[in-house]
Amino acid sequence: MSIYQFLVPVLAMIMIVIGASRYQRREQTLREFILWVLVWLGLSLISIFPHEVIKFIEKVTGIKSGINALLFFAIVVLLYAVLRLFIRLERVEQDVTKIVRKDALDRFRKNTRQNHDLQD
């Protein structure tokens, strides 16, 4: 057993505990916590059983090189994460735009009323 096969699971346990703490403080959702746990468990499995995981990935995907399959899978997951972040960013921008527009209209109406009251 190499040092890597020992350190990664220890780090994963620490990170899962940190994730659980963040979930209890409501700093992340249940979905985010489950994803966090799955990622760290997956990394632990890969570090403890690298050859078995690679063979399993080869068998499931049909790609002859397990490393290529693993890299392909990682790229797909990262692209999906970027897409989700982009969608979330677009929503935030739309929400900010709505808030700014509403605030501008409210200020305009308030100023218009004050000007109208001053003229009377």
PDB file of N, CA and C in Angstrom:
ATOM      1  N   MET A   1       0.852  -1.179   0.000  1.00  0.00           N
ATOM      2  CA  MET A   1       0.000   0.000   0.000  1.00  0.00           C
ATOM      3  C   MET A   1       0.900   1.244   0.000  1.00  0.00           C
ATOM      4  N   SER A   2       0.630   2.136  -0.955  1.00  0.00           N
ATOM      5  CA  SER A   2       1.435   3.350  -1.058  1.00  0.00           C
ATOM      6  C   SER A   2       0.871   4.433  -0.137  1.00  0.00           C
ATOM      7  N   ILE A   3       1.662   5.461   0.074  1.00  0.00           N
ATOM      8  CA  ILE A   3       1.248   6.578   0.939  1.00  0.00           C
ATOM      9  C   ILE A   3       0.005   7.258   0.369  1.00  0.00           C
ATOM     10  N   TYR A   4      -0.082   7.299  -0.961  1.00  0.00           N
ATOM     11  CA  TYR A   4      -1.230   7.899  -1.642  1.00  0.00           C
ATOM     12  C   TYR A   4      -2.512   7.151  -1.285  1.00  0.00           C
ATOM     13  N   GLN A   5      -2.426   5.836  -1.250  1.00  0.00           N
ATOM     14  CA  GLN A   5      -3.605   5.024  -0.944  1.00  0.00           C
ATOM     15  C   GLN A   5      -4.053   5.195   0.503  1.00  0.00           C
ATOM     16  N   PHE A   6      -3.192   5.701   1.340  1.00  0.00           N
ATOM     17  CA  PHE A   6      -3.553   5.966   2.729  1.00  0.00           C
ATOM     18  C   PHE A   6      -4.032   7.410   2.915  1.00  0.00           C
ATOM     19  N   LEU A   7      -3.320   8.358   2.308  1.00  0.00           N
ATOM     20  CA  LEU A   7      -3.618   9.780   2.522  1.00  0.00           C
ATOM     21  C   LEU A   7      -4.942  10.222   1.902  1.00  0.00           C
ATOM     22  N   VAL A   8      -5.247   9.749   0.707  1.00  0.00           N
ATOM     23  CA  VAL A   8      -6.480  10.202   0.044  1.00  0.00           C
ATOM     24  C   VAL A   8      -7.733   9.815   0.835  1.00  0.00           C
ATOM     25  N   PRO A   9      -7.861   8.567   1.314  1.00  0.00           N
ATOM     26  CA  PRO A   9      -9.048   8.254   2.132  1.00  0.00           C
ATOM     27  C   PRO A   9      -9.114   9.057   3.431  1.00  0.00           C
ATOM     28  N   VAL A  10      -7.959   9.321   4.055  1.00  0.00           N
ATOM     29  CA  VAL A  10      -7.955  10.135   5.271  1.00  0.00           C
ATOM     30  C   VAL A  10      -8.429  11.550   4.942  1.00  0.00           C
ATOM     31  N   LEU A  11      -7.883  12.114   3.861  1.00  0.00           N
ATOM     32  CA  LEU A  11      -8.317  13.438   3.421  1.00  0.00           C
ATOM     33  C   LEU A  11      -9.809  13.430   3.084  1.00  0.00           C
ATOM     34  N   ALA A  12     -10.275  12.364   2.436  1.00  0.00           N
ATOM     35  CA  ALA A  12     -11.689  12.261   2.075  1.00  0.00           C
ATOM     36  C   ALA A  12     -12.574  12.253   3.318  1.00  0.00           C
ATOM     37  N   MET A  13     -12.169  11.526   4.337  1.00  0.00           N
ATOM     38  CA  MET A  13     -12.960  11.506   5.579  1.00  0.00           C
ATOM     39  C   MET A  13     -13.027  12.903   6.190  1.00  0.00           C
ATOM     40  N   ILE A  14     -11.897  13.593   6.195  1.00  0.00           N
ATOM     41  CA  ILE A  14     -11.871  14.961   6.731  1.00  0.00           C
ATOM     42  C   ILE A  14     -12.802  15.859   5.921  1.00  0.00           C
ATOM     43  N   MET A  15     -12.728  15.748   4.604  1.00  0.00           N
ATOM     44  CA  MET A  15     -13.564  16.594   3.750  1.00  0.00           C
ATOM     45  C   MET A  15     -15.051  16.263   3.903  1.00  0.00           C
ATOM     46  N   ILE A  16     -15.388  15.002   4.111  1.00  0.00           N
ATOM     47  CA  ILE A  16     -16.791  14.618   4.324  1.00  0.00           C
ATOM     48  C   ILE A  16     -17.291  15.191   5.641  1.00  0.00           C
ATOM     49  N   VAL A  17     -16.452  15.156   6.670  1.00  0.00           N
ATOM     50  CA  VAL A  17     -16.840  15.749   7.958  1.00  0.00           C
ATOM     51  C   VAL A  17     -17.046  17.264   7.801  1.00  0.00           C
ATOM     52  N   ILE A  18     -16.164  17.914   7.067  1.00  0.00           N
ATOM     53  CA  ILE A  18     -16.322  19.348   6.805  1.00  0.00           C
ATOM     54  C   ILE A  18     -17.623  19.605   6.052  1.00  0.00           C
ATOM     55  N   GLY A  19     -17.914  18.763   5.058  1.00  0.00           N
ATOM     56  CA  GLY A  19     -19.162  18.897   4.311  1.00  0.00           C
ATOM     57  C   GLY A  19     -20.383  18.703   5.192  1.00  0.00           C
ATOM     58  N   ALA A  20     -20.323  17.734   6.090  1.00  0.00           N
ATOM     59  CA  ALA A  20     -21.438  17.488   7.011  1.00  0.00           C
ATOM     60  C   ALA A  20     -21.643  18.694   7.926  1.00  0.00           C
ATOM     61  N   SER A  21     -20.546  19.274   8.376  1.00  0.00           N
ATOM     62  CA  SER A  21     -20.629  20.464   9.221  1.00  0.00           C
ATOM     63  C   SER A  21     -21.263  21.621   8.452  1.00  0.00           C
ATOM     64  N   ARG A  22     -20.856  21.795   7.206  1.00  0.00           N
ATOM     65  CA  ARG A  22     -21.439  22.872   6.389  1.00  0.00           C
ATOM     66  C   ARG A  22     -22.921  22.628   6.140  1.00  0.00           C
ATOM     67  N   TYR A  23     -23.297  21.360   5.954  1.00  0.00           N
ATOM     68  CA  TYR A  23     -24.705  21.026   5.741  1.00  0.00           C
ATOM     69  C   TYR A  23     -25.513  21.325   7.007  1.00  0.00           C
ATOM     70  N   GLN A  24     -24.968  20.978   8.173  1.00  0.00           N
ATOM     71  CA  GLN A  24     -25.674  21.239   9.427  1.00  0.00           C
ATOM     72  C   GLN A  24     -25.847  22.737   9.673  1.00  0.00           C
ATOM     73  N   ARG A  25     -24.878  23.542   9.242  1.00  0.00           N
ATOM     74  CA  ARG A  25     -24.984  24.996   9.390  1.00  0.00           C
ATOM     75  C   ARG A  25     -25.803  25.615   8.265  1.00  0.00           C
ATOM     76  N   ARG A  26     -26.354  24.777   7.392  1.00  0.00           N
ATOM     77  CA  ARG A  26     -27.174  25.206   6.253  1.00  0.00           C
ATOM     78  C   ARG A  26     -26.402  26.075   5.261  1.00  0.00           C
ATOM     79  N   GLU A  27     -25.105  25.802   5.140  1.00  0.00           N
ATOM     80  CA  GLU A  27     -24.281  26.511   4.164  1.00  0.00           C
ATOM     81  C   GLU A  27     -24.273  25.800   2.816  1.00  0.00           C
ATOM     82  N   GLN A  28     -24.824  24.583   2.786  1.00  0.00           N
ATOM     83  CA  GLN A  28     -24.997  23.877   1.520  1.00  0.00           C
ATOM     84  C   GLN A  28     -26.256  23.021   1.610  1.00  0.00           C
ATOM     85  N   THR A  29     -26.802  22.705   0.442  1.00  0.00           N
ATOM     86  CA  THR A  29     -28.042  21.934   0.386  1.00  0.00           C
ATOM     87  C   THR A  29     -27.732  20.448   0.531  1.00  0.00           C
ATOM     88  N   LEU A  30     -28.785  19.661   0.724  1.00  0.00           N
ATOM     89  CA  LEU A  30     -28.619  18.211   0.815  1.00  0.00           C
ATOM     90  C   LEU A  30     -28.037  17.665  -0.484  1.00  0.00           C
ATOM     91  N   ARG A  31     -28.513  18.189  -1.581  1.00  0.00           N
ATOM     92  CA  ARG A  31     -28.006  17.745  -2.892  1.00  0.00           C
ATOM     93  C   ARG A  31     -26.507  18.012  -3.027  1.00  0.00           C
ATOM     94  N   GLU A  32     -26.073  19.191  -2.620  1.00  0.00           N
ATOM     95  CA  GLU A  32     -24.651  19.521  -2.673  1.00  0.00           C
ATOM     96  C   GLU A  32     -23.844  18.626  -1.739  1.00  0.00           C
ATOM     97  N   PHE A  33     -24.401  18.348  -0.560  1.00  0.00           N
ATOM     98  CA  PHE A  33     -23.703  17.481   0.390  1.00  0.00           C
ATOM     99  C   PHE A  33     -23.562  16.063  -0.156  1.00  0.00           C
ATOM    100  N   ILE A  34     -24.621  15.544  -0.735  1.00  0.00           N
ATOM    101  CA  ILE A  34     -24.561  14.190  -1.315  1.00  0.00           C
ATOM    102  C   ILE A  34     -23.532  14.145  -2.434  1.00  0.00           C
ATOM    103  N   LEU A  35     -23.512  15.151  -3.292  1.00  0.00           N
ATOM    104  CA  LEU A  35     -22.521  15.213  -4.359  1.00  0.00           C
ATOM    105  C   LEU A  35     -21.111  15.276  -3.775  1.00  0.00           C
ATOM    106  N   TRP A  36     -20.925  16.070  -2.736  1.00  0.00           N
ATOM    107  CA  TRP A  36     -19.638  16.205  -2.038  1.00  0.00           C
ATOM    108  C   TRP A  36     -19.169  14.835  -1.540  1.00  0.00           C
ATOM    109  N   VAL A  37     -20.078  14.098  -0.885  1.00  0.00           N
ATOM    110  CA  VAL A  37     -19.739  12.779  -0.340  1.00  0.00           C
ATOM    111  C   VAL A  37     -19.396  11.813  -1.476  1.00  0.00           C
ATOM    112  N   LEU A  38     -20.191  11.823  -2.543  1.00  0.00           N
ATOM    113  CA  LEU A  38     -19.926  10.911  -3.664  1.00  0.00           C
ATOM    114  C   LEU A  38     -18.573  11.185  -4.324  1.00  0.00           C
ATOM    115  N   VAL A  39     -18.228  12.448  -4.481  1.00  0.00           N
ATOM    116  CA  VAL A  39     -16.935  12.799  -5.083  1.00  0.00           C
ATOM    117  C   VAL A  39     -15.790  12.280  -4.220  1.00  0.00           C
ATOM    118  N   TRP A  40     -15.864  12.520  -2.908  1.00  0.00           N
ATOM    119  CA  TRP A  40     -14.764  12.101  -2.040  1.00  0.00           C
ATOM    120  C   TRP A  40     -14.726  10.583  -1.883  1.00  0.00           C
ATOM    121  N   LEU A  41     -15.873   9.924  -1.869  1.00  0.00           N
ATOM    122  CA  LEU A  41     -15.875   8.455  -1.835  1.00  0.00           C
ATOM    123  C   LEU A  41     -15.296   7.893  -3.123  1.00  0.00           C
ATOM    124  N   GLY A  42     -15.653   8.515  -4.252  1.00  0.00           N
ATOM    125  CA  GLY A  42     -15.109   8.081  -5.537  1.00  0.00           C
ATOM    126  C   GLY A  42     -13.597   8.224  -5.597  1.00  0.00           C
ATOM    127  N   LEU A  43     -13.095   9.363  -5.121  1.00  0.00           N
ATOM    128  CA  LEU A  43     -11.646   9.554  -5.093  1.00  0.00           C
ATOM    129  C   LEU A  43     -10.968   8.534  -4.184  1.00  0.00           C
ATOM    130  N   SER A  44     -11.618   8.218  -3.068  1.00  0.00           N
ATOM    131  CA  SER A  44     -11.061   7.207  -2.163  1.00  0.00           C
ATOM    132  C   SER A  44     -11.001   5.845  -2.836  1.00  0.00           C
ATOM    133  N   LEU A  45     -12.081   5.479  -3.504  1.00  0.00           N
ATOM    134  CA  LEU A  45     -12.097   4.189  -4.207  1.00  0.00           C
ATOM    135  C   LEU A  45     -11.017   4.118  -5.280  1.00  0.00           C
ATOM    136  N   ILE A  46     -10.868   5.206  -6.024  1.00  0.00           N
ATOM    137  CA  ILE A  46      -9.844   5.228  -7.071  1.00  0.00           C
ATOM    138  C   ILE A  46      -8.456   5.094  -6.471  1.00  0.00           C
ATOM    139  N   SER A  47      -8.232   5.743  -5.322  1.00  0.00           N
ATOM    140  CA  SER A  47      -6.893   5.677  -4.720  1.00  0.00           C
ATOM    141  C   SER A  47      -6.615   4.316  -4.092  1.00  0.00           C
ATOM    142  N   ILE A  48      -7.619   3.677  -3.514  1.00  0.00           N
ATOM    143  CA  ILE A  48      -7.407   2.385  -2.854  1.00  0.00           C
ATOM    144  C   ILE A  48      -7.350   1.243  -3.867  1.00  0.00           C
ATOM    145  N   PHE A  49      -8.240   1.270  -4.860  1.00  0.00           N
ATOM    146  CA  PHE A  49      -8.334   0.196  -5.857  1.00  0.00           C
ATOM    147  C   PHE A  49      -8.167   0.745  -7.274  1.00  0.00           C
ATOM    148  N   PRO A  50      -7.024   1.317  -7.609  1.00  0.00           N
ATOM    149  CA  PRO A  50      -6.889   1.967  -8.914  1.00  0.00           C
ATOM    150  C   PRO A  50      -7.085   1.006 -10.096  1.00  0.00           C
ATOM    151  N   HIS A  51      -6.505  -0.167 -10.044  1.00  0.00           N
ATOM    152  CA  HIS A  51      -6.602  -1.097 -11.176  1.00  0.00           C
ATOM    153  C   HIS A  51      -8.019  -1.636 -11.335  1.00  0.00           C
ATOM    154  N   GLU A  52      -8.661  -1.948 -10.230  1.00  0.00           N
ATOM    155  CA  GLU A  52     -10.025  -2.469 -10.290  1.00  0.00           C
ATOM    156  C   GLU A  52     -10.995  -1.422 -10.833  1.00  0.00           C
ATOM    157  N   VAL A  53     -10.811  -0.162 -10.406  1.00  0.00           N
ATOM    158  CA  VAL A  53     -11.684   0.918 -10.877  1.00  0.00           C
ATOM    159  C   VAL A  53     -11.490   1.123 -12.375  1.00  0.00           C
ATOM    160  N   ILE A  54     -10.238   1.139 -12.814  1.00  0.00           N
ATOM    161  CA  ILE A  54      -9.949   1.323 -14.243  1.00  0.00           C
ATOM    162  C   ILE A  54     -10.557   0.192 -15.060  1.00  0.00           C
ATOM    163  N   LYS A  55     -10.422  -1.047 -14.604  1.00  0.00           N
ATOM    164  CA  LYS A  55     -11.001  -2.190 -15.321  1.00  0.00           C
ATOM    165  C   LYS A  55     -12.524  -2.087 -15.364  1.00  0.00           C
ATOM    166  N   PHE A  56     -13.132  -1.671 -14.266  1.00  0.00           N
ATOM    167  CA  PHE A  56     -14.578  -1.504 -14.218  1.00  0.00           C
ATOM    168  C   PHE A  56     -15.026  -0.437 -15.212  1.00  0.00           C
ATOM    169  N   ILE A  57     -14.304   0.681 -15.244  1.00  0.00           N
ATOM    170  CA  ILE A  57     -14.642   1.765 -16.178  1.00  0.00           C
ATOM    171  C   ILE A  57     -14.496   1.289 -17.615  1.00  0.00           C
ATOM    172  N   GLU A  58     -13.443   0.535 -17.901  1.00  0.00           N
ATOM    173  CA  GLU A  58     -13.262  -0.020 -19.253  1.00  0.00           C
ATOM    174  C   GLU A  58     -14.444  -0.897 -19.626  1.00  0.00           C
ATOM    175  N   LYS A  59     -14.864  -1.734 -18.693  1.00  0.00           N
ATOM    176  CA  LYS A  59     -15.955  -2.675 -18.949  1.00  0.00           C
ATOM    177  C   LYS A  59     -17.277  -1.937 -19.180  1.00  0.00           C
ATOM    178  N   VAL A  60     -17.557  -0.944 -18.345  1.00  0.00           N
ATOM    179  CA  VAL A  60     -18.835  -0.219 -18.420  1.00  0.00           C
ATOM    180  C   VAL A  60     -18.918   0.652 -19.663  1.00  0.00           C
ATOM    181  N   THR A  61     -17.828   1.370 -19.975  1.00  0.00           N
ATOM    182  CA  THR A  61     -17.878   2.327 -21.077  1.00  0.00           C
ATOM    183  C   THR A  61     -17.560   1.702 -22.431  1.00  0.00           C
ATOM    184  N   GLY A  62     -16.839   0.604 -22.421  1.00  0.00           N
ATOM    185  CA  GLY A  62     -16.428   0.008 -23.685  1.00  0.00           C
ATOM    186  C   GLY A  62     -15.179   0.648 -24.265  1.00  0.00           C
ATOM    187  N   ILE A  63     -14.650   1.656 -23.589  1.00  0.00           N
ATOM    188  CA  ILE A  63     -13.409   2.286 -24.029  1.00  0.00           C
ATOM    189  C   ILE A  63     -12.265   1.408 -23.546  1.00  0.00           C
ATOM    190  N   LYS A  64     -11.372   1.059 -24.452  1.00  0.00           N
ATOM    191  CA  LYS A  64     -10.329   0.081 -24.142  1.00  0.00           C
ATOM    192  C   LYS A  64      -9.330   0.551 -23.092  1.00  0.00           C
ATOM    193  N   SER A  65      -9.080   1.837 -23.043  1.00  0.00           N
ATOM    194  CA  SER A  65      -8.147   2.352 -22.047  1.00  0.00           C
ATOM    195  C   SER A  65      -8.942   2.977 -20.904  1.00  0.00           C
ATOM    196  N   GLY A  66      -8.795   2.417 -19.724  1.00  0.00           N
ATOM    197  CA  GLY A  66      -9.536   2.917 -18.578  1.00  0.00           C
ATOM    198  C   GLY A  66      -9.172   4.344 -18.218  1.00  0.00           C
ATOM    199  N   ILE A  67      -7.910   4.691 -18.401  1.00  0.00           N
ATOM    200  CA  ILE A  67      -7.476   6.058 -18.115  1.00  0.00           C
ATOM    201  C   ILE A  67      -8.185   7.038 -19.048  1.00  0.00           C
ATOM    202  N   ASN A  68      -8.273   6.682 -20.326  1.00  0.00           N
ATOM    203  CA  ASN A  68      -8.984   7.550 -21.276  1.00  0.00           C
ATOM    204  C   ASN A  68     -10.458   7.686 -20.900  1.00  0.00           C
ATOM    205  N   ALA A  69     -11.057   6.585 -20.480  1.00  0.00           N
ATOM    206  CA  ALA A  69     -12.457   6.623 -20.074  1.00  0.00           C
ATOM    207  C   ALA A  69     -12.633   7.504 -18.845  1.00  0.00           C
ATOM    208  N   LEU A  70     -11.701   7.381 -17.903  1.00  0.00           N
ATOM    209  CA  LEU A  70     -11.768   8.190 -16.694  1.00  0.00           C
ATOM    210  C   LEU A  70     -11.612   9.673 -17.019  1.00  0.00           C
ATOM    211  N   LEU A  71     -10.673  10.007 -17.883  1.00  0.00           N
ATOM    212  CA  LEU A  71     -10.479  11.395 -18.295  1.00  0.00           C
ATOM    213  C   LEU A  71     -11.695  11.921 -19.053  1.00  0.00           C
ATOM    214  N   PHE A  72     -12.244  11.099 -19.931  1.00  0.00           N
ATOM    215  CA  PHE A  72     -13.446  11.485 -20.667  1.00  0.00           C
ATOM    216  C   PHE A  72     -14.588  11.790 -19.694  1.00  0.00           C
ATOM    217  N   PHE A  73     -14.779  10.895 -18.725  1.00  0.00           N
ATOM    218  CA  PHE A  73     -15.833  11.075 -17.726  1.00  0.00           C
ATOM    219  C   PHE A  73     -15.592  12.360 -16.923  1.00  0.00           C
ATOM    220  N   ALA A  74     -14.350  12.607 -16.534  1.00  0.00           N
ATOM    221  CA  ALA A  74     -14.020  13.808 -15.762  1.00  0.00           C
ATOM    222  C   ALA A  74     -14.306  15.069 -16.574  1.00  0.00           C
ATOM    223  N   ILE A  75     -13.962  15.053 -17.846  1.00  0.00           N
ATOM    224  CA  ILE A  75     -14.221  16.212 -18.699  1.00  0.00           C
ATOM    225  C   ILE A  75     -15.721  16.457 -18.842  1.00  0.00           C
ATOM    226  N   VAL A  76     -16.492  15.398 -19.023  1.00  0.00           N
ATOM    227  CA  VAL A  76     -17.947  15.541 -19.141  1.00  0.00           C
ATOM    228  C   VAL A  76     -18.524  16.129 -17.857  1.00  0.00           C
ATOM    229  N   VAL A  77     -18.074  15.638 -16.715  1.00  0.00           N
ATOM    230  CA  VAL A  77     -18.573  16.150 -15.430  1.00  0.00           C
ATOM    231  C   VAL A  77     -18.201  17.618 -15.263  1.00  0.00           C
ATOM    232  N   LEU A  78     -16.977  17.980 -15.610  1.00  0.00           N
ATOM    233  CA  LEU A  78     -16.561  19.378 -15.491  1.00  0.00           C
ATOM    234  C   LEU A  78     -17.340  20.287 -16.439  1.00  0.00           C
ATOM    235  N   LEU A  79     -17.573  19.823 -17.649  1.00  0.00           N
ATOM    236  CA  LEU A  79     -18.370  20.622 -18.583  1.00  0.00           C
ATOM    237  C   LEU A  79     -19.794  20.804 -18.078  1.00  0.00           C
ATOM    238  N   TYR A  80     -20.347  19.760 -17.501  1.00  0.00           N
ATOM    239  CA  TYR A  80     -21.682  19.857 -16.916  1.00  0.00           C
ATOM    240  C   TYR A  80     -21.691  20.879 -15.778  1.00  0.00           C
ATOM    241  N   ALA A  81     -20.662  20.840 -14.931  1.00  0.00           N
ATOM    242  CA  ALA A  81     -20.571  21.790 -13.816  1.00  0.00           C
ATOM    243  C   ALA A  81     -20.466  23.224 -14.333  1.00  0.00           C
ATOM    244  N   VAL A  82     -19.677  23.431 -15.383  1.00  0.00           N
ATOM    245  CA  VAL A  82     -19.552  24.775 -15.966  1.00  0.00           C
ATOM    246  C   VAL A  82     -20.892  25.229 -16.530  1.00  0.00           C
ATOM    247  N   LEU A  83     -21.607  24.338 -17.194  1.00  0.00           N
ATOM    248  CA  LEU A  83     -22.921  24.677 -17.727  1.00  0.00           C
ATOM    249  C   LEU A  83     -23.875  25.075 -16.606  1.00  0.00           C
ATOM    250  N   ARG A  84     -23.896  24.299 -15.513  1.00  0.00           N
ATOM    251  CA  ARG A  84     -24.768  24.628 -14.381  1.00  0.00           C
ATOM    252  C   ARG A  84     -24.406  25.992 -13.784  1.00  0.00           C
ATOM    253  N   LEU A  85     -23.115  26.263 -13.662  1.00  0.00           N
ATOM    254  CA  LEU A  85     -22.684  27.557 -13.140  1.00  0.00           C
ATOM    255  C   LEU A  85     -23.094  28.693 -14.066  1.00  0.00           C
ATOM    256  N   PHE A  86     -22.965  28.474 -15.371  1.00  0.00           N
ATOM    257  CA  PHE A  86     -23.363  29.482 -16.344  1.00  0.00           C
ATOM    258  C   PHE A  86     -24.855  29.776 -16.239  1.00  0.00           C
ATOM    259  N   ILE A  87     -25.661  28.725 -16.136  1.00  0.00           N
ATOM    260  CA  ILE A  87     -27.113  28.900 -16.009  1.00  0.00           C
ATOM    261  C   ILE A  87     -27.442  29.657 -14.729  1.00  0.00           C
ATOM    262  N   ARG A  88     -26.786  29.294 -13.625  1.00  0.00           N
ATOM    263  CA  ARG A  88     -27.028  29.973 -12.355  1.00  0.00           C
ATOM    264  C   ARG A  88     -26.612  31.438 -12.427  1.00  0.00           C
ATOM    265  N   LEU A  89     -25.485  31.708 -13.081  1.00  0.00           N
ATOM    266  CA  LEU A  89     -25.018  33.080 -13.238  1.00  0.00           C
ATOM    267  C   LEU A  89     -26.012  33.904 -14.054  1.00  0.00           C
ATOM    268  N   GLU A  90     -26.548  33.315 -15.109  1.00  0.00           N
ATOM    269  CA  GLU A  90     -27.551  34.014 -15.917  1.00  0.00           C
ATOM    270  C   GLU A  90     -28.773  34.367 -15.079  1.00  0.00           C
ATOM    271  N   ARG A  91     -29.220  33.438 -14.230  1.00  0.00           N
ATOM    272  CA  ARG A  91     -30.375  33.707 -13.365  1.00  0.00           C
ATOM    273  C   ARG A  91     -30.077  34.846 -12.396  1.00  0.00           C
ATOM    274  N   VAL A  92     -28.888  34.817 -11.824  1.00  0.00           N
ATOM    275  CA  VAL A  92     -28.509  35.878 -10.881  1.00  0.00           C
ATOM    276  C   VAL A  92     -28.487  37.224 -11.596  1.00  0.00           C
ATOM    277  N   GLU A  93     -27.933  37.263 -12.798  1.00  0.00           N
ATOM    278  CA  GLU A  93     -27.906  38.509 -13.567  1.00  0.00           C
ATOM    279  C   GLU A  93     -29.314  39.002 -13.857  1.00  0.00           C
ATOM    280  N   GLN A  94     -30.208  38.102 -14.207  1.00  0.00           N
ATOM    281  CA  GLN A  94     -31.596  38.495 -14.462  1.00  0.00           C
ATOM    282  C   GLN A  94     -32.258  39.025 -13.197  1.00  0.00           C
ATOM    283  N   ASP A  95     -31.999  38.367 -12.062  1.00  0.00           N
ATOM    284  CA  ASP A  95     -32.568  38.828 -10.792  1.00  0.00           C
ATOM    285  C   ASP A  95     -32.043  40.206 -10.425  1.00  0.00           C
ATOM    286  N   VAL A  96     -30.753  40.429 -10.603  1.00  0.00           N
ATOM    287  CA  VAL A  96     -30.168  41.738 -10.302  1.00  0.00           C
ATOM    288  C   VAL A  96     -30.771  42.801 -11.212  1.00  0.00           C
ATOM    289  N   THR A  97     -30.937  42.476 -12.483  1.00  0.00           N
ATOM    290  CA  THR A  97     -31.540  43.419 -13.429  1.00  0.00           C
ATOM    291  C   THR A  97     -32.953  43.793 -12.996  1.00  0.00           C
ATOM    292  N   LYS A  98     -33.747  42.809 -12.578  1.00  0.00           N
ATOM    293  CA  LYS A  98     -35.116  43.090 -12.120  1.00  0.00           C
ATOM    294  C   LYS A  98     -35.113  43.989 -10.899  1.00  0.00           C
ATOM    295  N   ILE A  99     -34.203  43.701  -9.965  1.00  0.00           N
ATOM    296  CA  ILE A  99     -34.136  44.503  -8.737  1.00  0.00           C
ATOM    297  C   ILE A  99     -33.728  45.939  -9.055  1.00  0.00           C
ATOM    298  N   VAL A 100     -32.736  46.108  -9.911  1.00  0.00           N
ATOM    299  CA  VAL A 100     -32.267  47.451 -10.271  1.00  0.00           C
ATOM    300  C   VAL A 100     -33.365  48.211 -11.007  1.00  0.00           C
ATOM    301  N   ARG A 101     -34.062  47.557 -11.917  1.00  0.00           N
ATOM    302  CA  ARG A 101     -35.153  48.218 -12.635  1.00  0.00           C
ATOM    303  C   ARG A 101     -36.247  48.664 -11.684  1.00  0.00           C
ATOM    304  N   LYS A 102     -36.630  47.771 -10.766  1.00  0.00           N
ATOM    305  CA  LYS A 102     -37.682  48.111  -9.804  1.00  0.00           C
ATOM    306  C   LYS A 102     -37.245  49.283  -8.939  1.00  0.00           C
ATOM    307  N   ASP A 103     -36.005  49.250  -8.470  1.00  0.00           N
ATOM    308  CA  ASP A 103     -35.482  50.342  -7.643  1.00  0.00           C
ATOM    309  C   ASP A 103     -35.472  51.660  -8.421  1.00  0.00           C
ATOM    310  N   ALA A 104     -35.042  51.592  -9.683  1.00  0.00           N
ATOM    311  CA  ALA A 104     -35.007  52.814 -10.506  1.00  0.00           C
ATOM    312  C   ALA A 104     -36.409  53.362 -10.714  1.00  0.00           C
ATOM    313  N   LEU A 105     -37.372  52.482 -10.994  1.00  0.00           N
ATOM    314  CA  LEU A 105     -38.755  52.941 -11.168  1.00  0.00           C
ATOM    315  C   LEU A 105     -39.313  53.531  -9.876  1.00  0.00           C
ATOM    316  N   ASP A 106     -39.025  52.887  -8.749  1.00  0.00           N
ATOM    317  CA  ASP A 106     -39.500  53.407  -7.459  1.00  0.00           C
ATOM    318  C   ASP A 106     -38.918  54.788  -7.181  1.00  0.00           C
ATOM    319  N   ARG A 107     -37.630  54.964  -7.439  1.00  0.00           N
ATOM    320  CA  ARG A 107     -36.993  56.268  -7.227  1.00  0.00           C
ATOM    321  C   ARG A 107     -37.560  57.319  -8.171  1.00  0.00           C
ATOM    322  N   PHE A 108     -37.792  56.910  -9.413  1.00  0.00           N
ATOM    323  CA  PHE A 108     -38.363  57.837 -10.394  1.00  0.00           C
ATOM    324  C   PHE A 108     -39.752  58.288  -9.946  1.00  0.00           C
ATOM    325  N   ARG A 109     -40.567  57.343  -9.522  1.00  0.00           N
ATOM    326  CA  ARG A 109     -41.924  57.688  -9.065  1.00  0.00           C
ATOM    327  C   ARG A 109     -41.871  58.587  -7.841  1.00  0.00           C
ATOM    328  N   LYS A 110     -40.960  58.273  -6.919  1.00  0.00           N
ATOM    329  CA  LYS A 110     -40.818  59.087  -5.710  1.00  0.00           C
ATOM    330  C   LYS A 110     -40.392  60.514  -6.067  1.00  0.00           C
ATOM    331  N   ASN A 111     -39.409  60.638  -6.952  1.00  0.00           N
ATOM    332  CA  ASN A 111     -38.946  61.963  -7.381  1.00  0.00           C
ATOM    333  C   ASN A 111     -40.028  62.710  -8.143  1.00  0.00           C
ATOM    334  N   THR A 112     -40.775  61.994  -8.967  1.00  0.00           N
ATOM    335  CA  THR A 112     -41.853  62.621  -9.721  1.00  0.00           C
ATOM    336  C   THR A 112     -42.915  63.164  -8.776  1.00  0.00           C
ATOM    337  N   ARG A 113     -43.263  62.398  -7.744  1.00  0.00           N
ATOM    338  CA  ARG A 113     -44.240  62.869  -6.772  1.00  0.00           C
ATOM    339  C   ARG A 113     -43.736  64.071  -5.997  1.00  0.00           C
ATOM    340  N   GLN A 114     -42.456  64.034  -5.615  1.00  0.00           N
ATOM    341  CA  GLN A 114     -41.900  65.166  -4.875  1.00  0.00           C
ATOM    342  C   GLN A 114     -41.875  66.425  -5.738  1.00  0.00           C
ATOM    343  N   ASN A 115     -41.497  66.274  -6.996  1.00  0.00           N
ATOM    344  CA  ASN A 115     -41.506  67.422  -7.911  1.00  0.00           C
ATOM    345  C   ASN A 115     -42.912  67.944  -8.129  1.00  0.00           C
ATOM    346  N   HIS A 116     -43.865  67.034  -8.227  1.00  0.00           N
ATOM    347  CA  HIS A 116     -45.249  67.419  -8.429  1.00  0.00           C
ATOM    348  C   HIS A 116     -45.764  68.154  -7.197  1.00  0.00           C
ATOM    349  N   ASP A 117     -45.397  67.680  -6.009  1.00  0.00           N
ATOM    350  CA  ASP A 117     -45.827  68.321  -4.769  1.00  0.00           C
ATOM    351  C   ASP A 117     -45.197  69.714  -4.626  1.00  0.00           C
ATOM    352  N   LEU A 118     -43.953  69.883  -5.073  1.00  0.00           N
ATOM    353  CA  LEU A 118     -43.294  71.169  -4.987  1.00  0.00           C
ATOM    354  C   LEU A 118     -43.931  72.193  -5.916  1.00  0.00           C
ATOM    355  N   GLN A 119     -44.442  71.752  -7.052  1.00  0.00           N
ATOM    356  CA  GLN A 119     -45.053  72.652  -8.011  1.00  0.00           C
ATOM    357  C   GLN A 119     -46.418  73.140  -7.515  1.00  0.00           C
ATOM    358  N   ASP A 120     -47.055  72.363  -6.668  1.00  0.00           N
ATOM    359  CA  ASP A 120     -48.401  72.761  -6.190  1.00  0.00           C
ATOM    360  C   ASP A 120     -48.340  73.804  -5.173  1.00  0.00           C
TER     361      ASP A 120
END
